[in-house]
């Protein structure tokens, strides 16, 4: 299992959103597909990855909206309309499709990554999440 290339366990149809999509729509996709992260791409190029927005990012954003003294529901409503590009972290880890599952596990552990984009050279070809690792470990 540890020597399997990540291409054998990754999702080769990653869910992507354009950077100008509203946070509420991103949250809807995270819940609908029961995923921990979504890839955020440039509005004019779905191969240009701008970052990964995760469920943890969403929780942190909700915490910001629920700050003491704020009009909580109003603040969350305003935040939900803002584009994901304002909140996505442009620094993310990635893997190559031929990297091993052992390398993926090490990166997930050391970087505390939920969702990792997978490339074939410079082409985005998939995504690997923690659940993919768990699925293969107990298959």
C-alpha atoms as a PDB file:
ATOM      1  CA  UNK A   1       0.000   0.000   0.000  1.00  0.00           C
ATOM      2  CA  UNK A   2       2.732   2.498   0.923  1.00  0.00           C
ATOM      3  CA  UNK A   3       4.426   2.145  -2.461  1.00  0.00           C
ATOM      4  CA  UNK A   4       1.245   2.742  -4.474  1.00  0.00           C
ATOM      5  CA  UNK A   5       1.398   5.883  -6.583  1.00  0.00           C
ATOM      6  CA  UNK A   6      -1.094   8.527  -5.485  1.00  0.00           C
ATOM      7  CA  UNK A   7      -2.654   8.324  -8.970  1.00  0.00           C
ATOM      8  CA  UNK A   8      -4.093   4.941  -7.888  1.00  0.00           C
ATOM      9  CA  UNK A   9      -5.997   6.410  -4.949  1.00  0.00           C
ATOM     10  CA  UNK A  10      -6.643  10.050  -5.859  1.00  0.00           C
ATOM     11  CA  UNK A  11      -9.908  11.448  -7.150  1.00  0.00           C
ATOM     12  CA  UNK A  12      -9.273  12.204 -10.812  1.00  0.00           C
ATOM     13  CA  UNK A  13     -12.352  14.440 -11.085  1.00  0.00           C
ATOM     14  CA  UNK A  14     -11.626  17.113  -8.478  1.00  0.00           C
ATOM     15  CA  UNK A  15     -14.296  19.637  -7.657  1.00  0.00           C
ATOM     16  CA  UNK A  16     -13.035  23.088  -8.542  1.00  0.00           C
ATOM     17  CA  UNK A  17     -14.525  26.538  -8.153  1.00  0.00           C
ATOM     18  CA  UNK A  18     -13.521  29.787  -9.759  1.00  0.00           C
ATOM     19  CA  UNK A  19     -11.980  32.379  -7.462  1.00  0.00           C
ATOM     20  CA  UNK A  20     -14.970  34.701  -7.787  1.00  0.00           C
ATOM     21  CA  UNK A  21     -17.502  32.170  -6.429  1.00  0.00           C
ATOM     22  CA  UNK A  22     -19.233  33.218  -3.205  1.00  0.00           C
ATOM     23  CA  UNK A  23     -18.256  31.535   0.058  1.00  0.00           C
ATOM     24  CA  UNK A  24     -21.843  30.320   0.579  1.00  0.00           C
ATOM     25  CA  UNK A  25     -21.692  28.427  -2.726  1.00  0.00           C
ATOM     26  CA  UNK A  26     -18.360  26.876  -1.777  1.00  0.00           C
ATOM     27  CA  UNK A  27     -19.812  25.835   1.603  1.00  0.00           C
ATOM     28  CA  UNK A  28     -22.754  24.259  -0.192  1.00  0.00           C
ATOM     29  CA  UNK A  29     -20.397  22.188  -2.374  1.00  0.00           C
ATOM     30  CA  UNK A  30     -18.319  21.090   0.629  1.00  0.00           C
ATOM     31  CA  UNK A  31     -21.477  19.818   2.332  1.00  0.00           C
ATOM     32  CA  UNK A  32     -23.152  18.402  -0.772  1.00  0.00           C
ATOM     33  CA  UNK A  33     -20.177  16.293  -1.781  1.00  0.00           C
ATOM     34  CA  UNK A  34     -19.000  15.628   1.784  1.00  0.00           C
ATOM     35  CA  UNK A  35     -15.462  16.699   1.035  1.00  0.00           C
ATOM     36  CA  UNK A  36     -12.882  18.416   3.225  1.00  0.00           C
ATOM     37  CA  UNK A  37     -11.529  20.792   0.615  1.00  0.00           C
ATOM     38  CA  UNK A  38     -12.176  22.349  -2.735  1.00  0.00           C
ATOM     39  CA  UNK A  39      -9.706  23.579  -5.313  1.00  0.00           C
ATOM     40  CA  UNK A  40      -9.927  27.280  -6.163  1.00  0.00           C
ATOM     41  CA  UNK A  41      -8.873  28.169  -9.698  1.00  0.00           C
ATOM     42  CA  UNK A  42      -8.427  31.401 -11.634  1.00  0.00           C
ATOM     43  CA  UNK A  43     -11.638  32.771 -13.181  1.00  0.00           C
ATOM     44  CA  UNK A  44     -10.243  32.411 -16.699  1.00  0.00           C
ATOM     45  CA  UNK A  45      -8.114  29.253 -16.384  1.00  0.00           C
ATOM     46  CA  UNK A  46      -9.240  26.110 -14.563  1.00  0.00           C
ATOM     47  CA  UNK A  47      -5.678  24.753 -14.613  1.00  0.00           C
ATOM     48  CA  UNK A  48      -4.291  27.743 -12.684  1.00  0.00           C
ATOM     49  CA  UNK A  49      -4.719  26.723  -9.066  1.00  0.00           C
ATOM     50  CA  UNK A  50      -4.952  29.676  -6.690  1.00  0.00           C
ATOM     51  CA  UNK A  51      -5.306  27.624  -3.534  1.00  0.00           C
ATOM     52  CA  UNK A  52      -7.357  25.135  -1.567  1.00  0.00           C
ATOM     53  CA  UNK A  53     -10.324  26.127   0.591  1.00  0.00           C
ATOM     54  CA  UNK A  54     -11.051  23.583   3.338  1.00  0.00           C
ATOM     55  CA  UNK A  55     -13.717  22.914   5.895  1.00  0.00           C
ATOM     56  CA  UNK A  56     -11.259  24.196   8.506  1.00  0.00           C
ATOM     57  CA  UNK A  57     -10.976  27.485   6.575  1.00  0.00           C
ATOM     58  CA  UNK A  58     -14.753  27.688   6.583  1.00  0.00           C
ATOM     59  CA  UNK A  59     -14.937  27.084  10.351  1.00  0.00           C
ATOM     60  CA  UNK A  60     -12.310  29.792  10.914  1.00  0.00           C
ATOM     61  CA  UNK A  61     -14.315  32.156   8.731  1.00  0.00           C
ATOM     62  CA  UNK A  62     -17.466  31.434  10.712  1.00  0.00           C
ATOM     63  CA  UNK A  63     -15.546  32.136  13.917  1.00  0.00           C
ATOM     64  CA  UNK A  64     -14.520  35.496  12.468  1.00  0.00           C
ATOM     65  CA  UNK A  65     -18.155  36.300  11.669  1.00  0.00           C
ATOM     66  CA  UNK A  66     -19.249  35.303  15.148  1.00  0.00           C
ATOM     67  CA  UNK A  67     -16.742  37.565  16.898  1.00  0.00           C
ATOM     68  CA  UNK A  68     -17.966  39.138  20.147  1.00  0.00           C
ATOM     69  CA  UNK A  69     -19.969  42.298  19.664  1.00  0.00           C
ATOM     70  CA  UNK A  70     -20.880  41.664  16.051  1.00  0.00           C
ATOM     71  CA  UNK A  71     -24.368  41.309  14.680  1.00  0.00           C
ATOM     72  CA  UNK A  72     -23.815  37.607  14.243  1.00  0.00           C
ATOM     73  CA  UNK A  73     -26.326  36.621  11.585  1.00  0.00           C
ATOM     74  CA  UNK A  74     -25.783  39.813   9.648  1.00  0.00           C
ATOM     75  CA  UNK A  75     -22.016  39.378   9.784  1.00  0.00           C
ATOM     76  CA  UNK A  76     -22.248  35.767   8.554  1.00  0.00           C
ATOM     77  CA  UNK A  77     -24.601  36.822   5.769  1.00  0.00           C
ATOM     78  CA  UNK A  78     -22.154  39.491   4.593  1.00  0.00           C
ATOM     79  CA  UNK A  79     -19.219  37.072   4.744  1.00  0.00           C
ATOM     80  CA  UNK A  80     -21.139  34.411   2.829  1.00  0.00           C
ATOM     81  CA  UNK A  81     -21.456  36.696  -0.190  1.00  0.00           C
ATOM     82  CA  UNK A  82     -17.745  37.472  -0.461  1.00  0.00           C
ATOM     83  CA  UNK A  83     -15.640  35.611  -3.045  1.00  0.00           C
ATOM     84  CA  UNK A  84     -13.617  32.630  -1.938  1.00  0.00           C
ATOM     85  CA  UNK A  85     -10.498  34.283  -3.372  1.00  0.00           C
ATOM     86  CA  UNK A  86     -10.472  36.649  -0.388  1.00  0.00           C
ATOM     87  CA  UNK A  87     -10.030  33.746   2.018  1.00  0.00           C
ATOM     88  CA  UNK A  88      -8.155  31.026   0.164  1.00  0.00           C
ATOM     89  CA  UNK A  89      -4.594  30.383   1.258  1.00  0.00           C
ATOM     90  CA  UNK A  90      -2.330  30.684  -1.804  1.00  0.00           C
ATOM     91  CA  UNK A  91       0.320  28.548  -0.090  1.00  0.00           C
ATOM     92  CA  UNK A  92      -0.508  24.874  -0.392  1.00  0.00           C
ATOM     93  CA  UNK A  93       1.281  21.574  -0.746  1.00  0.00           C
ATOM     94  CA  UNK A  94       0.893  19.426  -3.821  1.00  0.00           C
ATOM     95  CA  UNK A  95       1.941  16.028  -5.087  1.00  0.00           C
ATOM     96  CA  UNK A  96       2.945  14.548  -8.416  1.00  0.00           C
ATOM     97  CA  UNK A  97       0.810  11.669  -9.691  1.00  0.00           C
ATOM     98  CA  UNK A  98       3.700   9.209  -9.362  1.00  0.00           C
ATOM     99  CA  UNK A  99       4.541  10.129  -5.746  1.00  0.00           C
ATOM    100  CA  UNK A 100       3.981   7.287  -3.317  1.00  0.00           C
ATOM    101  CA  UNK A 101       1.203   6.941  -0.796  1.00  0.00           C
ATOM    102  CA  UNK A 102       3.907   6.946   1.898  1.00  0.00           C
ATOM    103  CA  UNK A 103       4.992  10.414   0.765  1.00  0.00           C
ATOM    104  CA  UNK A 104       1.366  11.573   0.775  1.00  0.00           C
ATOM    105  CA  UNK A 105       0.877  10.308   4.324  1.00  0.00           C
ATOM    106  CA  UNK A 106       4.021  12.116   5.469  1.00  0.00           C
ATOM    107  CA  UNK A 107       2.880  15.388   3.869  1.00  0.00           C
ATOM    108  CA  UNK A 108      -0.621  15.100   5.294  1.00  0.00           C
ATOM    109  CA  UNK A 109       0.848  14.515   8.745  1.00  0.00           C
ATOM    110  CA  UNK A 110       3.627  17.131   8.671  1.00  0.00           C
ATOM    111  CA  UNK A 111       1.653  19.863   6.896  1.00  0.00           C
ATOM    112  CA  UNK A 112      -1.695  19.027   8.537  1.00  0.00           C
ATOM    113  CA  UNK A 113      -3.180  19.048   5.027  1.00  0.00           C
ATOM    114  CA  UNK A 114      -6.794  18.067   4.421  1.00  0.00           C
ATOM    115  CA  UNK A 115      -6.797  18.244   0.631  1.00  0.00           C
ATOM    116  CA  UNK A 116      -3.795  17.988  -1.690  1.00  0.00           C
ATOM    117  CA  UNK A 117      -3.839  18.813  -5.418  1.00  0.00           C
ATOM    118  CA  UNK A 118      -2.126  16.226  -7.618  1.00  0.00           C
ATOM    119  CA  UNK A 119      -0.228  17.150 -10.781  1.00  0.00           C
ATOM    120  CA  UNK A 120       1.237  15.377 -13.771  1.00  0.00           C
ATOM    121  CA  UNK A 121       4.080  17.779 -14.464  1.00  0.00           C
ATOM    122  CA  UNK A 122       2.305  21.138 -14.567  1.00  0.00           C
ATOM    123  CA  UNK A 123      -1.150  19.742 -15.363  1.00  0.00           C
ATOM    124  CA  UNK A 124      -3.659  19.409 -12.524  1.00  0.00           C
ATOM    125  CA  UNK A 125      -4.928  15.825 -12.697  1.00  0.00           C
ATOM    126  CA  UNK A 126      -6.584  15.118  -9.369  1.00  0.00           C
ATOM    127  CA  UNK A 127      -6.927  15.642  -5.677  1.00  0.00           C
ATOM    128  CA  UNK A 128      -6.032  13.525  -2.679  1.00  0.00           C
ATOM    129  CA  UNK A 129      -7.750  13.862   0.666  1.00  0.00           C
ATOM    130  CA  UNK A 130      -7.274  12.303   4.062  1.00  0.00           C
ATOM    131  CA  UNK A 131     -10.286  10.100   3.463  1.00  0.00           C
ATOM    132  CA  UNK A 132      -8.593   8.616   0.366  1.00  0.00           C
ATOM    133  CA  UNK A 133      -5.672   7.512   2.536  1.00  0.00           C
ATOM    134  CA  UNK A 134      -8.002   6.028   5.143  1.00  0.00           C
ATOM    135  CA  UNK A 135     -10.015   4.198   2.478  1.00  0.00           C
ATOM    136  CA  UNK A 136      -6.929   2.500   1.048  1.00  0.00           C
ATOM    137  CA  UNK A 137      -5.517   1.656   4.479  1.00  0.00           C
ATOM    138  CA  UNK A 138      -8.620  -0.259   5.497  1.00  0.00           C
ATOM    139  CA  UNK A 139      -9.699  -1.649   2.113  1.00  0.00           C
END
